[in-house]
Protein backbone atom coordinates (compact mmCIF):
# COMPACT_ATOMS: atom_id res chain seq x y z
CA MET A 1 -77.74 115.41 168.66
CA ALA A 2 -76.86 118.36 167.42
CA VAL A 3 -75.71 120.01 170.27
CA LEU A 4 -73.58 116.46 170.82
CA ALA A 5 -72.24 116.37 167.67
CA SER A 6 -71.07 120.07 167.39
CA LEU A 7 -69.58 119.63 171.13
CA LEU A 8 -67.41 116.56 170.37
CA LEU A 9 -66.09 118.91 167.18
CA LEU A 10 -64.93 121.37 169.45
CA PHE A 11 -63.43 119.08 171.92
CA ALA A 12 -61.73 117.40 169.04
CA GLN A 13 -60.48 120.39 167.91
CA LEU A 14 -58.96 121.22 171.43
CA ALA A 15 -57.55 117.67 172.04
CA ILE A 16 -54.52 118.65 169.54
CA VAL A 17 -53.66 120.89 172.31
CA ALA A 18 -55.20 119.41 175.45
CA PHE A 19 -52.85 115.76 174.66
CA ALA A 20 -49.77 117.93 174.13
CA ALA A 21 -46.46 117.37 176.34
CA PRO A 22 -46.40 119.86 178.94
CA VAL A 23 -43.44 122.48 179.38
CA ALA A 24 -40.04 121.66 181.39
CA ASN A 25 -40.84 124.50 183.53
CA HIS A 26 -44.42 124.27 184.36
CA THR A 27 -44.48 124.11 188.03
CA LEU A 28 -48.03 122.29 189.62
CA GLU A 29 -50.11 123.72 192.42
CA ALA A 30 -49.30 122.30 195.91
CA ARG A 31 -51.81 119.54 196.60
CA GLN A 32 -53.90 121.67 199.20
CA SER A 33 -56.32 119.56 201.55
CA VAL A 34 -59.63 120.08 200.25
CA SER A 35 -62.75 120.33 202.78
CA THR A 36 -66.36 118.76 202.40
CA LEU A 37 -68.87 121.16 201.95
CA THR A 38 -72.21 120.50 204.56
CA THR A 39 -76.02 120.27 203.10
CA ALA A 40 -76.53 123.47 203.81
CA GLN A 41 -73.62 125.20 202.25
CA ILE A 42 -74.68 123.11 199.19
CA ALA A 43 -78.38 124.65 198.90
CA GLY A 44 -77.12 127.99 199.31
CA TYR A 45 -75.61 127.46 195.86
CA LYS A 46 -79.49 127.06 194.24
CA THR A 47 -80.36 130.51 193.56
CA TYR A 48 -77.13 131.35 191.86
CA SER A 49 -77.86 127.97 189.41
CA TRP A 50 -81.26 129.28 188.53
CA TYR A 51 -79.96 132.53 187.67
CA ALA A 52 -76.90 131.00 185.16
CA SER A 53 -79.38 128.90 183.79
CA ALA A 54 -81.79 131.45 183.40
CA ALA A 55 -79.09 133.60 181.01
CA TYR A 56 -79.60 131.07 178.45
CA CYS A 57 -83.13 132.25 177.52
CA SER A 58 -83.39 135.27 175.13
CA PRO A 59 -83.20 139.01 176.01
CA ALA A 60 -87.28 139.23 176.15
CA SER A 61 -87.98 136.68 177.99
CA THR A 62 -84.79 137.55 181.28
CA LEU A 63 -86.41 140.87 180.71
CA ALA A 64 -90.04 140.16 181.63
CA TRP A 65 -88.22 137.78 183.75
CA ASN A 66 -90.89 135.02 182.29
CA CYS A 67 -88.86 131.90 181.14
CA GLY A 68 -90.32 128.95 183.41
CA THR A 69 -88.63 127.32 186.54
CA ARG A 70 -85.23 129.41 185.94
CA CYS A 71 -87.25 132.62 185.98
CA SER A 72 -90.30 131.57 188.47
CA SER A 73 -87.62 130.32 191.22
CA ASN A 74 -86.58 133.76 191.64
CA PRO A 75 -90.18 134.95 192.01
CA ARG A 76 -88.39 138.27 193.42
CA PHE A 77 -85.71 138.85 190.63
CA VAL A 78 -86.69 142.40 189.19
CA PRO A 79 -85.26 143.28 186.21
CA ILE A 80 -83.46 145.97 184.73
CA ALA A 81 -81.78 145.29 181.42
CA SER A 82 -80.64 142.60 178.82
CA GLY A 83 -79.42 142.33 175.66
CA GLY A 84 -77.19 140.18 173.08
CA ASN A 85 -78.30 138.54 170.24
CA GLY A 86 -76.96 134.81 171.05
CA VAL A 87 -74.53 134.61 167.95
CA SER A 88 -72.11 137.49 167.84
CA ILE A 89 -72.88 138.96 170.95
CA GLN A 90 -73.89 135.98 174.32
CA TYR A 91 -77.17 137.07 176.10
CA TRP A 92 -76.77 138.84 179.67
CA TYR A 93 -78.97 140.09 181.49
CA VAL A 94 -79.09 142.83 185.01
CA GLY A 95 -81.38 142.68 187.87
CA TYR A 96 -81.94 143.34 191.59
CA ASP A 97 -82.43 139.97 193.84
CA PRO A 98 -83.70 141.84 196.78
CA ALA A 99 -83.27 139.01 198.98
CA LEU A 100 -79.65 138.95 198.37
CA SER A 101 -79.92 142.53 198.57
CA SER A 102 -77.15 142.64 195.15
CA ILE A 103 -77.41 143.51 191.54
CA ILE A 104 -77.47 140.25 189.58
CA VAL A 105 -75.58 139.92 186.55
CA GLY A 106 -75.82 136.69 184.42
CA TYR A 107 -74.20 135.94 181.31
CA GLN A 108 -75.02 133.26 178.66
CA GLY A 109 -72.44 129.91 178.08
CA THR A 110 -72.02 128.06 174.45
CA ASP A 111 -74.39 127.08 172.60
CA PRO A 112 -73.12 124.98 170.45
CA SER A 113 -75.84 125.11 167.38
CA LYS A 114 -74.40 128.52 167.16
CA ILE A 115 -71.20 128.84 165.27
CA LEU A 116 -69.78 132.10 166.94
CA PRO A 117 -69.44 131.21 170.00
CA LEU A 118 -68.20 127.56 169.06
CA VAL A 119 -65.04 129.81 167.10
CA THR A 120 -64.80 131.74 170.03
CA ASP A 121 -64.39 129.17 172.57
CA ALA A 122 -61.76 127.51 169.87
CA LYS A 123 -59.35 130.63 170.09
CA LEU A 124 -56.49 129.64 171.85
CA ASP A 125 -54.56 132.92 171.92
CA PHE A 126 -53.46 135.73 174.61
CA GLU A 127 -54.76 139.37 173.92
CA PRO A 128 -53.80 142.52 176.26
CA LEU A 129 -57.08 143.58 178.35
CA ARG A 130 -58.51 146.41 176.47
CA PRO A 131 -57.36 150.08 177.42
CA ALA A 132 -60.04 151.47 176.92
CA LEU A 133 -62.02 149.10 179.17
CA PHE A 134 -58.86 148.39 181.47
CA PRO A 135 -57.74 151.77 181.95
CA GLY A 136 -54.56 151.78 183.75
CA VAL A 137 -53.76 147.99 183.54
CA SER A 138 -50.47 146.95 181.96
CA SER A 139 -50.41 145.52 178.43
CA SER A 140 -48.76 142.53 180.26
CA VAL A 141 -51.76 141.62 181.80
CA GLN A 142 -53.67 139.46 179.12
CA THR A 143 -56.55 136.84 178.78
CA HIS A 144 -57.18 134.35 176.73
CA ASN A 145 -58.86 136.48 173.19
CA GLY A 146 -61.86 134.83 172.78
CA PHE A 147 -63.00 135.81 175.97
CA GLY A 148 -61.72 138.99 175.82
CA ASP A 149 -64.15 139.31 173.07
CA ALA A 150 -67.06 138.02 174.15
CA HIS A 151 -66.82 140.34 177.11
CA ALA A 152 -65.75 143.32 175.30
CA ALA A 153 -68.87 143.32 172.66
CA SER A 154 -71.05 143.92 176.15
CA ALA A 155 -69.25 145.40 178.50
CA THR A 156 -70.43 148.89 178.27
CA ALA A 157 -73.97 147.89 178.26
CA VAL A 158 -73.54 145.35 181.36
CA LEU A 159 -71.76 148.55 182.87
CA SER A 160 -74.62 150.85 182.48
CA ALA A 161 -77.40 148.62 183.61
CA VAL A 162 -75.33 147.51 186.74
CA ARG A 163 -74.60 151.25 187.88
CA THR A 164 -78.60 151.87 187.01
CA GLY A 165 -79.13 148.95 189.72
CA LEU A 166 -76.79 150.06 192.59
CA SER A 167 -78.09 153.57 192.61
CA ARG A 168 -81.80 153.06 192.10
CA TYR A 169 -82.00 150.67 195.02
CA SER A 170 -78.69 152.41 196.87
CA ILE A 171 -77.20 149.05 197.53
CA ASN A 172 -73.34 148.52 196.90
CA ARG A 173 -73.28 144.56 195.65
CA VAL A 174 -73.23 142.86 192.55
CA THR A 175 -73.10 138.77 192.01
CA LEU A 176 -71.87 137.57 188.77
CA THR A 177 -72.42 134.19 187.43
CA GLY A 178 -72.75 132.46 184.19
CA HIS A 179 -72.08 128.17 182.65
CA SER A 180 -69.54 127.74 180.79
CA LEU A 181 -67.80 130.61 178.20
CA GLY A 182 -70.90 132.67 180.49
CA GLY A 183 -68.29 131.84 183.28
CA ALA A 184 -65.23 132.75 181.27
CA ILE A 185 -67.35 135.93 180.79
CA ALA A 186 -68.34 136.65 184.43
CA ILE A 187 -64.46 136.26 185.85
CA ILE A 188 -63.47 138.79 183.49
CA ALA A 189 -66.64 141.11 183.97
CA THR A 190 -65.25 141.13 187.85
CA ALA A 191 -62.11 142.46 186.97
CA TYR A 192 -63.76 145.15 184.88
CA LEU A 193 -66.22 145.95 187.40
CA SER A 194 -63.67 146.11 189.74
CA ILE A 195 -61.73 148.86 188.29
CA GLN A 196 -65.12 150.80 186.74
CA ILE A 197 -66.66 150.92 190.16
CA PRO A 198 -64.21 151.78 192.84
CA GLY A 199 -65.65 149.82 196.28
CA VAL A 200 -68.04 147.94 194.93
CA THR A 201 -68.21 144.51 196.63
CA LEU A 202 -68.28 141.65 194.41
CA ARG A 203 -69.10 138.38 194.10
CA THR A 204 -69.00 135.70 191.35
CA ILE A 205 -69.92 132.12 191.21
CA THR A 206 -69.41 130.22 187.73
CA TYR A 207 -70.48 126.59 186.25
CA GLY A 208 -67.97 124.38 184.25
CA SER A 209 -65.88 127.70 183.38
CA PRO A 210 -62.54 127.01 181.68
CA ARG A 211 -59.19 128.81 182.01
CA VAL A 212 -59.50 132.53 181.58
CA ARG A 213 -56.23 134.19 182.88
CA GLY A 214 -52.33 133.66 181.32
CA GLN A 215 -50.06 132.42 183.98
CA VAL A 216 -47.45 133.97 182.49
CA GLY A 217 -47.67 138.25 184.04
CA ASN A 218 -51.09 138.26 185.11
CA GLN A 219 -50.63 137.12 188.84
CA ALA A 220 -50.81 139.93 190.31
CA PHE A 221 -53.93 141.29 188.51
CA VAL A 222 -55.81 137.79 189.54
CA ASP A 223 -54.66 138.39 192.89
CA TYR A 224 -55.73 141.95 192.40
CA VAL A 225 -59.29 140.66 191.56
CA ASN A 226 -59.13 137.82 194.01
CA ALA A 227 -58.70 140.32 196.91
CA ARG A 228 -62.14 142.13 195.71
CA SER A 229 -64.51 140.13 195.17
CA VAL A 230 -65.67 136.14 196.34
CA MET A 231 -64.67 133.39 193.54
CA ASN A 232 -66.48 130.22 193.41
CA ARG A 233 -66.29 127.91 190.11
CA ILE A 234 -68.47 125.14 190.31
CA ASN A 235 -67.06 122.51 188.37
CA ASN A 236 -69.24 119.24 187.65
CA LYS A 237 -68.18 115.88 188.15
CA ASP A 238 -65.91 114.77 185.34
CA ASP A 239 -66.27 118.23 183.35
CA ILE A 240 -63.87 118.31 180.84
CA VAL A 241 -64.23 121.76 180.05
CA PRO A 242 -62.48 123.14 183.46
CA ILE A 243 -59.42 121.94 182.70
CA LEU A 244 -59.02 123.25 178.86
CA PRO A 245 -57.16 125.34 177.87
CA GLY A 246 -54.48 123.50 178.95
CA ARG A 247 -52.03 124.67 182.03
CA PHE A 248 -48.81 124.14 179.33
CA LEU A 249 -50.16 126.38 177.18
CA ASN A 250 -49.66 129.15 180.25
CA TYR A 251 -53.70 128.90 181.33
CA GLY A 252 -54.63 129.38 184.91
CA HIS A 253 -57.93 129.71 186.85
CA THR A 254 -58.84 131.72 189.37
CA GLU A 255 -59.02 130.36 193.11
CA GLY A 256 -62.47 129.14 194.50
CA GLU A 257 -63.00 125.56 193.04
CA ILE A 258 -66.39 123.66 194.58
CA HIS A 259 -65.89 120.67 192.56
CA ILE A 260 -69.27 118.37 192.95
CA ILE A 261 -68.37 114.39 193.23
CA ASN A 262 -71.63 113.33 193.53
CA SER A 263 -74.77 114.86 194.67
CA ASN A 264 -74.12 115.13 198.11
CA ALA A 265 -70.39 115.23 197.85
CA TRP A 266 -69.53 119.22 197.19
CA VAL A 267 -65.53 119.63 197.71
CA SER A 268 -63.82 123.29 198.21
CA CYS A 269 -60.58 123.14 196.67
CA PRO A 270 -58.18 125.73 197.81
CA GLY A 271 -55.49 128.04 195.33
CA GLN A 272 -55.92 128.34 191.90
CA ASP A 273 -55.15 125.19 190.35
CA ASN A 274 -55.43 122.87 193.25
CA THR A 275 -54.24 118.44 191.75
CA ASN A 276 -55.50 117.02 194.93
CA ALA A 277 -57.54 114.51 193.73
CA GLN A 278 -60.60 114.97 194.68
CA CYS A 279 -60.49 118.78 192.70
CA THR A 280 -61.04 118.70 189.15
CA ILE A 281 -57.40 118.65 188.16
CA GLY A 282 -56.85 115.32 189.92
CA TYR A 283 -60.13 114.00 188.98
CA VAL A 284 -60.38 114.26 185.59
CA PRO A 285 -56.37 114.31 184.57
CA ASN A 286 -56.92 115.02 180.85
CA ILE A 287 -59.97 114.85 178.48
CA ALA A 288 -60.13 111.25 177.69
CA GLU A 289 -61.13 110.54 181.13
CA GLY A 290 -63.72 113.77 180.67
CA SER A 291 -67.43 114.13 180.65
CA ILE A 292 -68.94 116.23 178.03
CA LEU A 293 -72.46 115.35 179.42
CA ASP A 294 -71.46 116.27 183.40
CA HIS A 295 -70.75 120.15 181.97
CA LEU A 296 -73.47 120.43 179.90
CA GLY A 297 -75.61 119.43 183.56
CA THR A 298 -77.29 116.50 182.30
CA CYS A 299 -77.03 114.49 185.86
CA ALA A 300 -79.14 114.22 188.51
CA ILE A 301 -76.88 116.76 190.19
CA THR A 302 -78.94 118.64 192.94
CA TYR A 303 -78.52 122.73 192.85
CA TYR A 304 -76.78 122.54 189.38
CA VAL A 305 -77.65 124.25 186.70
CA GLY A 306 -79.28 121.07 184.77
CA LYS A 307 -79.68 121.05 181.15
CA VAL A 308 -78.02 124.39 180.56
CA LEU A 309 -78.60 124.51 176.33
CA ARG A 310 -82.99 124.65 177.24
CA CYS A 311 -84.66 128.08 177.84
C-alpha cells in the first residue's frame, strides 16, 4: 500500500502538467502503421526482462548473482561490478552474458519507498549534457535534468566496468536495460557509451521508460544515438509513465517502441512518438486513462518485468 500511495502522489504532481493544453506549434508524429511481433520475437525479450528486473536488487546480491529467480533465470551471467545505494544513486550492475556475447548493464528504476528517486522523477526542467561526460556535444543538446543527474551519479563507475568487461572477454557489444527511471538512465547511458567507447555495438531495451530527451535542438543527437544502437522501448498496456513528461513540454522519445496490448499481442511502433491507436500515445491519450499497476508490471504478462519493486 505504501508503494501504491507513493506512486499516486507522484502522478498527482505530474497530472498538473500532463493535462495542460498543448502548445500551438506542436507537431505530432505521423500515424505510422504498426506490425505484430511473432511468438518467437516476444520470447526473445525474456532474457532482458529478467536483467531489468534484477537491477532492483542490492549491489551485493547482483555482484554475487544471487537474487532469486531474477538471477537464476540467466544462470550463465558473469558479474563484473555493481554499485549504487538505492537512494541518491540508483542500483546498477555490469556483467557478461556468454550466450549473447555481450556486456550487460542494468539500472534500477524508481522505488517509490525511497524519497530521492521520487524527487528526481518529479523534476521537469532541461539541462545540457555534462561536458565532462559528453565531450564535444553542443550545450544545446539537453535532457530531463533529474534523469541526467541520475545517470551522472554512476556514469564513470559503469564506464570503467564496461571497459573492463569488453577487454576481459574480447568483445565489442554492450546491452543496456532498465525499468522506469532505470530505462531513462539506460537511454542516456547509451549516448554516453557511444561517445566514450567509439565503435562499440550497443543495444538498449527499456521497460516503461518516461520521455528523456528534449525535442527542440536535440533531434540530430537522437538520430546520432539511434544510428549507433538498436533501441527498444517496451511499454505495458495502459502504463502512464511513457506518456510523461508531456510532449507539449517539448519532451520526446527515442524510436523503437514495442507496445504490449495483451500477453499474445505485442506491436512494433515505428518512429519516435507514434500516435497510432495501438501504440502508447494513442492507447493512453492522458493519465486519466492510464494504469499505475501496468507500470509496475503486476499484470500476467509473459516476459514482462513483473513485480519489479520486489527483490
